[in-house]
């Protein structure tokens, strides 16, 4: 992981720790190229967590928005999930 990415996650962890009581409901938002396999990878990362997952395809059909509302234990668990999914080619985390 490069320094810029590492700094981002450090800041995110601090912000999450200061803005919420943990555990808390967290809303993940991703934009993924509209490829069934890539969307499935994102959805499967939240299997058996009681997540509510909504997907919406863009007007052109090129991208799929994936919104996931799920109970997370800590700021670190949120960061771990973002890092786990960062390997999906073309994913954008919002």
PDB file of N, CA and C in Angstrom:
ATOM      1  N   UNK A   1       0.859  -1.171   0.000  1.00  0.00           N
ATOM      2  CA  UNK A   1       0.000   0.000   0.000  1.00  0.00           C
ATOM      3  C   UNK A   1       0.906   1.235   0.000  1.00  0.00           C
ATOM      4  N   UNK A   2       0.590   2.191  -0.869  1.00  0.00           N
ATOM      5  CA  UNK A   2       1.420   3.393  -0.928  1.00  0.00           C
ATOM      6  C   UNK A   2       1.096   4.345   0.228  1.00  0.00           C
ATOM      7  N   UNK A   3       1.965   5.320   0.429  1.00  0.00           N
ATOM      8  CA  UNK A   3       1.854   6.255   1.563  1.00  0.00           C
ATOM      9  C   UNK A   3       0.541   7.039   1.524  1.00  0.00           C
ATOM     10  N   UNK A   4       0.132   7.482   0.334  1.00  0.00           N
ATOM     11  CA  UNK A   4      -1.097   8.262   0.203  1.00  0.00           C
ATOM     12  C   UNK A   4      -2.317   7.437   0.634  1.00  0.00           C
ATOM     13  N   UNK A   5      -2.361   6.189   0.216  1.00  0.00           N
ATOM     14  CA  UNK A   5      -3.472   5.304   0.583  1.00  0.00           C
ATOM     15  C   UNK A   5      -3.445   5.016   2.081  1.00  0.00           C
ATOM     16  N   UNK A   6      -2.262   4.777   2.603  1.00  0.00           N
ATOM     17  CA  UNK A   6      -2.121   4.509   4.034  1.00  0.00           C
ATOM     18  C   UNK A   6      -2.602   5.713   4.858  1.00  0.00           C
ATOM     19  N   UNK A   7      -2.222   6.918   4.441  1.00  0.00           N
ATOM     20  CA  UNK A   7      -2.663   8.139   5.131  1.00  0.00           C
ATOM     21  C   UNK A   7      -4.179   8.288   5.070  1.00  0.00           C
ATOM     22  N   UNK A   8      -4.768   7.945   3.922  1.00  0.00           N
ATOM     23  CA  UNK A   8      -6.218   8.024   3.772  1.00  0.00           C
ATOM     24  C   UNK A   8      -6.907   7.125   4.801  1.00  0.00           C
ATOM     25  N   UNK A   9      -6.443   5.888   4.929  1.00  0.00           N
ATOM     26  CA  UNK A   9      -7.068   4.956   5.864  1.00  0.00           C
ATOM     27  C   UNK A   9      -6.874   5.381   7.321  1.00  0.00           C
ATOM     28  N   UNK A  10      -5.752   5.978   7.627  1.00  0.00           N
ATOM     29  CA  UNK A  10      -5.519   6.484   8.981  1.00  0.00           C
ATOM     30  C   UNK A  10      -6.522   7.598   9.300  1.00  0.00           C
ATOM     31  N   UNK A  11      -6.683   8.539   8.354  1.00  0.00           N
ATOM     32  CA  UNK A  11      -7.650   9.632   8.548  1.00  0.00           C
ATOM     33  C   UNK A  11      -9.077   9.098   8.659  1.00  0.00           C
ATOM     34  N   UNK A  12      -9.426   8.149   7.789  1.00  0.00           N
ATOM     35  CA  UNK A  12     -10.767   7.575   7.812  1.00  0.00           C
ATOM     36  C   UNK A  12     -11.045   6.911   9.158  1.00  0.00           C
ATOM     37  N   UNK A  13     -10.093   6.167   9.668  1.00  0.00           N
ATOM     38  CA  UNK A  13     -10.276   5.486  10.955  1.00  0.00           C
ATOM     39  C   UNK A  13     -10.521   6.501  12.073  1.00  0.00           C
ATOM     40  N   UNK A  14      -9.752   7.581  12.080  1.00  0.00           N
ATOM     41  CA  UNK A  14      -9.936   8.629  13.085  1.00  0.00           C
ATOM     42  C   UNK A  14     -11.314   9.277  12.977  1.00  0.00           C
ATOM     43  N   UNK A  15     -11.724   9.594  11.749  1.00  0.00           N
ATOM     44  CA  UNK A  15     -13.040  10.219  11.545  1.00  0.00           C
ATOM     45  C   UNK A  15     -14.163   9.296  11.975  1.00  0.00           C
ATOM     46  N   UNK A  16     -14.068   8.030  11.613  1.00  0.00           N
ATOM     47  CA  UNK A  16     -15.107   7.073  12.001  1.00  0.00           C
ATOM     48  C   UNK A  16     -15.175   6.922  13.513  1.00  0.00           C
ATOM     49  N   UNK A  17     -14.027   6.885  14.155  1.00  0.00           N
ATOM     50  CA  UNK A  17     -13.984   6.734  15.611  1.00  0.00           C
ATOM     51  C   UNK A  17     -14.622   7.929  16.310  1.00  0.00           C
ATOM     52  N   UNK A  18     -14.498   9.110  15.708  1.00  0.00           N
ATOM     53  CA  UNK A  18     -15.007  10.329  16.336  1.00  0.00           C
ATOM     54  C   UNK A  18     -16.455  10.663  15.981  1.00  0.00           C
ATOM     55  N   UNK A  19     -17.030   9.996  14.989  1.00  0.00           N
ATOM     56  CA  UNK A  19     -18.372  10.373  14.551  1.00  0.00           C
ATOM     57  C   UNK A  19     -19.459   9.366  14.909  1.00  0.00           C
ATOM     58  N   UNK A  20     -19.087   8.178  15.354  1.00  0.00           N
ATOM     59  CA  UNK A  20     -20.096   7.157  15.626  1.00  0.00           C
ATOM     60  C   UNK A  20     -19.781   6.396  16.907  1.00  0.00           C
ATOM     61  N   UNK A  21     -20.830   5.871  17.486  1.00  0.00           N
ATOM     62  CA  UNK A  21     -20.687   4.941  18.597  1.00  0.00           C
ATOM     63  C   UNK A  21     -20.637   3.548  17.967  1.00  0.00           C
ATOM     64  N   UNK A  22     -19.690   2.742  18.390  1.00  0.00           N
ATOM     65  CA  UNK A  22     -19.500   1.431  17.774  1.00  0.00           C
ATOM     66  C   UNK A  22     -19.936   0.332  18.703  1.00  0.00           C
ATOM     67  N   UNK A  23     -20.536  -0.739  18.183  1.00  0.00           N
ATOM     68  CA  UNK A  23     -20.858  -1.038  16.793  1.00  0.00           C
ATOM     69  C   UNK A  23     -21.970  -0.125  16.266  1.00  0.00           C
ATOM     70  N   UNK A  24     -22.011   0.026  14.941  1.00  0.00           N
ATOM     71  CA  UNK A  24     -23.007   0.892  14.312  1.00  0.00           C
ATOM     72  C   UNK A  24     -23.366   0.391  12.920  1.00  0.00           C
ATOM     73  N   UNK A  25     -24.485   0.872  12.430  1.00  0.00           N
ATOM     74  CA  UNK A  25     -24.903   0.583  11.054  1.00  0.00           C
ATOM     75  C   UNK A  25     -24.063   1.471  10.137  1.00  0.00           C
ATOM     76  N   UNK A  26     -23.440   0.880   9.127  1.00  0.00           N
ATOM     77  CA  UNK A  26     -22.571   1.633   8.213  1.00  0.00           C
ATOM     78  C   UNK A  26     -23.051   1.408   6.784  1.00  0.00           C
ATOM     79  N   UNK A  27     -23.020   2.476   5.992  1.00  0.00           N
ATOM     80  CA  UNK A  27     -23.440   2.387   4.599  1.00  0.00           C
ATOM     81  C   UNK A  27     -22.215   2.444   3.693  1.00  0.00           C
ATOM     82  N   UNK A  28     -21.937   1.323   3.058  1.00  0.00           N
ATOM     83  CA  UNK A  28     -20.878   1.250   2.055  1.00  0.00           C
ATOM     84  C   UNK A  28     -21.488   1.577   0.703  1.00  0.00           C
ATOM     85  N   UNK A  29     -20.750   2.317  -0.126  1.00  0.00           N
ATOM     86  CA  UNK A  29     -21.195   2.592  -1.492  1.00  0.00           C
ATOM     87  C   UNK A  29     -20.028   2.336  -2.436  1.00  0.00           C
ATOM     88  N   UNK A  30     -20.314   1.552  -3.459  1.00  0.00           N
ATOM     89  CA  UNK A  30     -19.299   1.218  -4.452  1.00  0.00           C
ATOM     90  C   UNK A  30     -19.880   1.425  -5.851  1.00  0.00           C
ATOM     91  N   UNK A  31     -19.008   1.799  -6.774  1.00  0.00           N
ATOM     92  CA  UNK A  31     -19.336   1.807  -8.193  1.00  0.00           C
ATOM     93  C   UNK A  31     -18.442   0.741  -8.808  1.00  0.00           C
ATOM     94  N   UNK A  32     -19.074  -0.194  -9.517  1.00  0.00           N
ATOM     95  CA  UNK A  32     -18.358  -1.332 -10.081  1.00  0.00           C
ATOM     96  C   UNK A  32     -18.693  -1.426 -11.564  1.00  0.00           C
ATOM     97  N   UNK A  33     -17.719  -1.753 -12.418  1.00  0.00           N
ATOM     98  CA  UNK A  33     -18.062  -2.010 -13.815  1.00  0.00           C
ATOM     99  C   UNK A  33     -19.157  -3.081 -13.865  1.00  0.00           C
ATOM    100  N   UNK A  34     -20.137  -2.907 -14.738  1.00  0.00           N
ATOM    101  CA  UNK A  34     -21.268  -3.843 -14.813  1.00  0.00           C
ATOM    102  C   UNK A  34     -20.818  -5.185 -15.374  1.00  0.00           C
ATOM    103  N   UNK A  35     -20.243  -5.952 -14.499  1.00  0.00           N
ATOM    104  CA  UNK A  35     -19.775  -7.289 -14.801  1.00  0.00           C
ATOM    105  C   UNK A  35     -20.315  -8.145 -13.669  1.00  0.00           C
ATOM    106  N   UNK A  36     -21.122  -9.133 -14.000  1.00  0.00           N
ATOM    107  CA  UNK A  36     -21.795  -9.932 -12.977  1.00  0.00           C
ATOM    108  C   UNK A  36     -20.820 -10.505 -11.953  1.00  0.00           C
ATOM    109  N   UNK A  37     -19.651 -10.921 -12.404  1.00  0.00           N
ATOM    110  CA  UNK A  37     -18.669 -11.512 -11.492  1.00  0.00           C
ATOM    111  C   UNK A  37     -18.163 -10.482 -10.486  1.00  0.00           C
ATOM    112  N   UNK A  38     -17.895  -9.259 -10.945  1.00  0.00           N
ATOM    113  CA  UNK A  38     -17.382  -8.219 -10.047  1.00  0.00           C
ATOM    114  C   UNK A  38     -18.445  -7.782  -9.039  1.00  0.00           C
ATOM    115  N   UNK A  39     -19.671  -7.632  -9.496  1.00  0.00           N
ATOM    116  CA  UNK A  39     -20.765  -7.271  -8.590  1.00  0.00           C
ATOM    117  C   UNK A  39     -20.953  -8.376  -7.554  1.00  0.00           C
ATOM    118  N   UNK A  40     -20.855  -9.611  -7.997  1.00  0.00           N
ATOM    119  CA  UNK A  40     -21.019 -10.747  -7.087  1.00  0.00           C
ATOM    120  C   UNK A  40     -19.909 -10.794  -6.034  1.00  0.00           C
ATOM    121  N   UNK A  41     -18.683 -10.454  -6.412  1.00  0.00           N
ATOM    122  CA  UNK A  41     -17.579 -10.423  -5.452  1.00  0.00           C
ATOM    123  C   UNK A  41     -17.892  -9.430  -4.334  1.00  0.00           C
ATOM    124  N   UNK A  42     -18.391  -8.248  -4.718  1.00  0.00           N
ATOM    125  CA  UNK A  42     -18.735  -7.224  -3.726  1.00  0.00           C
ATOM    126  C   UNK A  42     -19.857  -7.729  -2.820  1.00  0.00           C
ATOM    127  N   UNK A  43     -20.901  -8.270  -3.410  1.00  0.00           N
ATOM    128  CA  UNK A  43     -22.027  -8.768  -2.615  1.00  0.00           C
ATOM    129  C   UNK A  43     -21.595  -9.905  -1.688  1.00  0.00           C
ATOM    130  N   UNK A  44     -20.783 -10.818  -2.190  1.00  0.00           N
ATOM    131  CA  UNK A  44     -20.347 -11.969  -1.386  1.00  0.00           C
ATOM    132  C   UNK A  44     -19.461 -11.577  -0.212  1.00  0.00           C
ATOM    133  N   UNK A  45     -18.791 -10.435  -0.309  1.00  0.00           N
ATOM    134  CA  UNK A  45     -17.944  -9.970   0.799  1.00  0.00           C
ATOM    135  C   UNK A  45     -18.774  -9.666   2.045  1.00  0.00           C
ATOM    136  N   UNK A  46     -20.081  -9.510   1.870  1.00  0.00           N
ATOM    137  CA  UNK A  46     -20.958  -9.173   2.998  1.00  0.00           C
ATOM    138  C   UNK A  46     -21.914 -10.321   3.339  1.00  0.00           C
ATOM    139  N   UNK A  47     -21.669 -11.511   2.779  1.00  0.00           N
ATOM    140  CA  UNK A  47     -22.493 -12.686   3.076  1.00  0.00           C
ATOM    141  C   UNK A  47     -22.499 -12.972   4.566  1.00  0.00           C
ATOM    142  N   UNK A  48     -23.632 -13.403   5.048  1.00  0.00           N
ATOM    143  CA  UNK A  48     -23.805 -13.825   6.439  1.00  0.00           C
ATOM    144  C   UNK A  48     -23.507 -12.725   7.446  1.00  0.00           C
ATOM    145  N   UNK A  49     -23.641 -11.466   7.011  1.00  0.00           N
ATOM    146  CA  UNK A  49     -23.456 -10.331   7.927  1.00  0.00           C
ATOM    147  C   UNK A  49     -24.777  -9.605   8.169  1.00  0.00           C
ATOM    148  N   UNK A  50     -25.863 -10.096   7.568  1.00  0.00           N
ATOM    149  CA  UNK A  50     -27.156  -9.444   7.718  1.00  0.00           C
ATOM    150  C   UNK A  50     -27.243  -8.141   6.947  1.00  0.00           C
ATOM    151  N   UNK A  51     -26.483  -8.026   5.884  1.00  0.00           N
ATOM    152  CA  UNK A  51     -26.433  -6.792   5.091  1.00  0.00           C
ATOM    153  C   UNK A  51     -27.656  -6.632   4.205  1.00  0.00           C
ATOM    154  N   UNK A  52     -28.055  -5.388   4.030  1.00  0.00           N
ATOM    155  CA  UNK A  52     -29.093  -5.036   3.058  1.00  0.00           C
ATOM    156  C   UNK A  52     -28.358  -4.466   1.850  1.00  0.00           C
ATOM    157  N   UNK A  53     -28.489  -5.127   0.705  1.00  0.00           N
ATOM    158  CA  UNK A  53     -27.738  -4.761  -0.491  1.00  0.00           C
ATOM    159  C   UNK A  53     -28.685  -4.302  -1.585  1.00  0.00           C
ATOM    160  N   UNK A  54     -28.398  -3.117  -2.140  1.00  0.00           N
ATOM    161  CA  UNK A  54     -29.166  -2.582  -3.263  1.00  0.00           C
ATOM    162  C   UNK A  54     -28.212  -2.307  -4.413  1.00  0.00           C
ATOM    163  N   UNK A  55     -28.614  -2.735  -5.615  1.00  0.00           N
ATOM    164  CA  UNK A  55     -27.800  -2.457  -6.794  1.00  0.00           C
ATOM    165  C   UNK A  55     -28.637  -1.680  -7.800  1.00  0.00           C
ATOM    166  N   UNK A  56     -27.973  -0.756  -8.478  1.00  0.00           N
ATOM    167  CA  UNK A  56     -28.622   0.043  -9.510  1.00  0.00           C
ATOM    168  C   UNK A  56     -27.644   0.184 -10.668  1.00  0.00           C
ATOM    169  N   UNK A  57     -28.108  -0.169 -11.853  1.00  0.00           N
ATOM    170  CA  UNK A  57     -27.261  -0.042 -13.029  1.00  0.00           C
ATOM    171  C   UNK A  57     -27.356   1.373 -13.584  1.00  0.00           C
ATOM    172  N   UNK A  58     -26.232   1.875 -14.110  1.00  0.00           N
ATOM    173  CA  UNK A  58     -26.223   3.211 -14.705  1.00  0.00           C
ATOM    174  C   UNK A  58     -27.078   3.226 -15.968  1.00  0.00           C
ATOM    175  N   UNK A  59     -27.426   4.419 -16.431  1.00  0.00           N
ATOM    176  CA  UNK A  59     -28.279   4.543 -17.626  1.00  0.00           C
ATOM    177  C   UNK A  59     -27.668   3.850 -18.835  1.00  0.00           C
ATOM    178  N   UNK A  60     -26.353   3.951 -18.970  1.00  0.00           N
ATOM    179  CA  UNK A  60     -25.689   3.329 -20.115  1.00  0.00           C
ATOM    180  C   UNK A  60     -25.434   1.845 -19.900  1.00  0.00           C
ATOM    181  N   UNK A  61     -25.575   1.378 -18.649  1.00  0.00           N
ATOM    182  CA  UNK A  61     -25.342  -0.023 -18.341  1.00  0.00           C
ATOM    183  C   UNK A  61     -23.884  -0.380 -18.139  1.00  0.00           C
ATOM    184  N   UNK A  62     -23.016   0.629 -18.186  1.00  0.00           N
ATOM    185  CA  UNK A  62     -21.579   0.396 -18.049  1.00  0.00           C
ATOM    186  C   UNK A  62     -21.161   0.118 -16.607  1.00  0.00           C
ATOM    187  N   UNK A  63     -21.881   0.721 -15.663  1.00  0.00           N
ATOM    188  CA  UNK A  63     -21.509   0.623 -14.249  1.00  0.00           C
ATOM    189  C   UNK A  63     -22.710   0.210 -13.409  1.00  0.00           C
ATOM    190  N   UNK A  64     -22.403  -0.375 -12.256  1.00  0.00           N
ATOM    191  CA  UNK A  64     -23.431  -0.741 -11.289  1.00  0.00           C
ATOM    192  C   UNK A  64     -23.063  -0.122  -9.952  1.00  0.00           C
ATOM    193  N   UNK A  65     -24.037   0.563  -9.356  1.00  0.00           N
ATOM    194  CA  UNK A  65     -23.872   1.124  -8.016  1.00  0.00           C
ATOM    195  C   UNK A  65     -24.322   0.055  -7.026  1.00  0.00           C
ATOM    196  N   UNK A  66     -23.480  -0.204  -6.029  1.00  0.00           N
ATOM    197  CA  UNK A  66     -23.808  -1.190  -4.999  1.00  0.00           C
ATOM    198  C   UNK A  66     -23.782  -0.475  -3.652  1.00  0.00           C
ATOM    199  N   UNK A  67     -24.956  -0.413  -3.003  1.00  0.00           N
ATOM    200  CA  UNK A  67     -25.077   0.197  -1.673  1.00  0.00           C
ATOM    201  C   UNK A  67     -25.334  -0.927  -0.668  1.00  0.00           C
ATOM    202  N   UNK A  68     -24.567  -0.925   0.398  1.00  0.00           N
ATOM    203  CA  UNK A  68     -24.659  -1.998   1.381  1.00  0.00           C
ATOM    204  C   UNK A  68     -24.755  -1.401   2.776  1.00  0.00           C
ATOM    205  N   UNK A  69     -25.860  -1.671   3.443  1.00  0.00           N
ATOM    206  CA  UNK A  69     -26.061  -1.217   4.810  1.00  0.00           C
ATOM    207  C   UNK A  69     -25.881  -2.432   5.719  1.00  0.00           C
ATOM    208  N   UNK A  70     -24.927  -2.296   6.649  1.00  0.00           N
ATOM    209  CA  UNK A  70     -24.594  -3.460   7.477  1.00  0.00           C
ATOM    210  C   UNK A  70     -24.064  -2.998   8.838  1.00  0.00           C
ATOM    211  N   UNK A  71     -24.304  -3.802   9.851  1.00  0.00           N
ATOM    212  CA  UNK A  71     -23.786  -3.528  11.198  1.00  0.00           C
ATOM    213  C   UNK A  71     -22.291  -3.839  11.215  1.00  0.00           C
ATOM    214  N   UNK A  72     -21.489  -2.855  11.596  1.00  0.00           N
ATOM    215  CA  UNK A  72     -20.034  -3.047  11.671  1.00  0.00           C
ATOM    216  C   UNK A  72     -19.588  -2.871  13.119  1.00  0.00           C
ATOM    217  N   UNK A  73     -18.567  -3.630  13.512  1.00  0.00           N
ATOM    218  CA  UNK A  73     -18.114  -3.662  14.903  1.00  0.00           C
ATOM    219  C   UNK A  73     -17.257  -2.469  15.301  1.00  0.00           C
ATOM    220  N   UNK A  74     -16.447  -1.972  14.346  1.00  0.00           N
ATOM    221  CA  UNK A  74     -15.474  -0.940  14.700  1.00  0.00           C
ATOM    222  C   UNK A  74     -15.009  -0.206  13.443  1.00  0.00           C
ATOM    223  N   UNK A  75     -14.364   0.948  13.623  1.00  0.00           N
ATOM    224  CA  UNK A  75     -13.784   1.632  12.463  1.00  0.00           C
ATOM    225  C   UNK A  75     -12.810   0.728  11.695  1.00  0.00           C
ATOM    226  N   UNK A  76     -12.041  -0.084  12.421  1.00  0.00           N
ATOM    227  CA  UNK A  76     -11.083  -0.967  11.753  1.00  0.00           C
ATOM    228  C   UNK A  76     -11.788  -2.008  10.888  1.00  0.00           C
ATOM    229  N   UNK A  77     -12.957  -2.489  11.325  1.00  0.00           N
ATOM    230  CA  UNK A  77     -13.690  -3.475  10.524  1.00  0.00           C
ATOM    231  C   UNK A  77     -14.180  -2.860   9.214  1.00  0.00           C
ATOM    232  N   UNK A  78     -14.510  -1.571   9.234  1.00  0.00           N
ATOM    233  CA  UNK A  78     -14.910  -0.855   8.007  1.00  0.00           C
ATOM    234  C   UNK A  78     -13.713  -0.760   7.063  1.00  0.00           C
ATOM    235  N   UNK A  79     -12.585  -0.367   7.596  1.00  0.00           N
ATOM    236  CA  UNK A  79     -11.369  -0.233   6.783  1.00  0.00           C
ATOM    237  C   UNK A  79     -10.955  -1.588   6.215  1.00  0.00           C
ATOM    238  N   UNK A  80     -11.044  -2.622   7.028  1.00  0.00           N
ATOM    239  CA  UNK A  80     -10.695  -3.966   6.549  1.00  0.00           C
ATOM    240  C   UNK A  80     -11.547  -4.362   5.354  1.00  0.00           C
ATOM    241  N   UNK A  81     -12.827  -4.017   5.393  1.00  0.00           N
ATOM    242  CA  UNK A  81     -13.736  -4.367   4.296  1.00  0.00           C
ATOM    243  C   UNK A  81     -13.373  -3.583   3.036  1.00  0.00           C
ATOM    244  N   UNK A  82     -13.091  -2.284   3.183  1.00  0.00           N
ATOM    245  CA  UNK A  82     -12.659  -1.492   2.027  1.00  0.00           C
ATOM    246  C   UNK A  82     -11.386  -2.071   1.415  1.00  0.00           C
ATOM    247  N   UNK A  83     -10.435  -2.444   2.258  1.00  0.00           N
ATOM    248  CA  UNK A  83      -9.174  -2.996   1.758  1.00  0.00           C
ATOM    249  C   UNK A  83      -9.383  -4.350   1.089  1.00  0.00           C
ATOM    250  N   UNK A  84     -10.273  -5.158   1.643  1.00  0.00           N
ATOM    251  CA  UNK A  84     -10.585  -6.462   1.056  1.00  0.00           C
ATOM    252  C   UNK A  84     -11.114  -6.299  -0.369  1.00  0.00           C
ATOM    253  N   UNK A  85     -11.957  -5.285  -0.569  1.00  0.00           N
ATOM    254  CA  UNK A  85     -12.585  -5.096  -1.880  1.00  0.00           C
ATOM    255  C   UNK A  85     -11.755  -4.257  -2.834  1.00  0.00           C
ATOM    256  N   UNK A  86     -10.688  -3.645  -2.355  1.00  0.00           N
ATOM    257  CA  UNK A  86      -9.873  -2.805  -3.215  1.00  0.00           C
ATOM    258  C   UNK A  86      -9.188  -3.584  -4.341  1.00  0.00           C
ATOM    259  N   UNK A  87      -9.163  -4.903  -4.241  1.00  0.00           N
ATOM    260  CA  UNK A  87      -8.547  -5.730  -5.283  1.00  0.00           C
ATOM    261  C   UNK A  87      -9.457  -5.945  -6.486  1.00  0.00           C
ATOM    262  N   UNK A  88     -10.747  -5.584  -6.365  1.00  0.00           N
ATOM    263  CA  UNK A  88     -11.670  -5.730  -7.493  1.00  0.00           C
ATOM    264  C   UNK A  88     -11.318  -4.680  -8.540  1.00  0.00           C
ATOM    265  N   UNK A  89     -10.968  -5.147  -9.737  1.00  0.00           N
ATOM    266  CA  UNK A  89     -10.539  -4.239 -10.798  1.00  0.00           C
ATOM    267  C   UNK A  89     -11.653  -3.272 -11.184  1.00  0.00           C
ATOM    268  N   UNK A  90     -11.336  -1.976 -11.165  1.00  0.00           N
ATOM    269  CA  UNK A  90     -12.280  -0.943 -11.582  1.00  0.00           C
ATOM    270  C   UNK A  90     -13.228  -0.458 -10.507  1.00  0.00           C
ATOM    271  N   UNK A  91     -13.147  -1.000  -9.292  1.00  0.00           N
ATOM    272  CA  UNK A  91     -14.066  -0.588  -8.229  1.00  0.00           C
ATOM    273  C   UNK A  91     -13.728   0.820  -7.751  1.00  0.00           C
ATOM    274  N   UNK A  92     -14.777   1.572  -7.449  1.00  0.00           N
ATOM    275  CA  UNK A  92     -14.634   2.898  -6.865  1.00  0.00           C
ATOM    276  C   UNK A  92     -15.390   2.878  -5.549  1.00  0.00           C
ATOM    277  N   UNK A  93     -14.707   3.198  -4.462  1.00  0.00           N
ATOM    278  CA  UNK A  93     -15.329   3.254  -3.144  1.00  0.00           C
ATOM    279  C   UNK A  93     -15.729   4.688  -2.865  1.00  0.00           C
ATOM    280  N   UNK A  94     -16.972   4.885  -2.447  1.00  0.00           N
ATOM    281  CA  UNK A  94     -17.451   6.241  -2.140  1.00  0.00           C
ATOM    282  C   UNK A  94     -17.655   6.389  -0.647  1.00  0.00           C
TER     283      UNK A  94
END
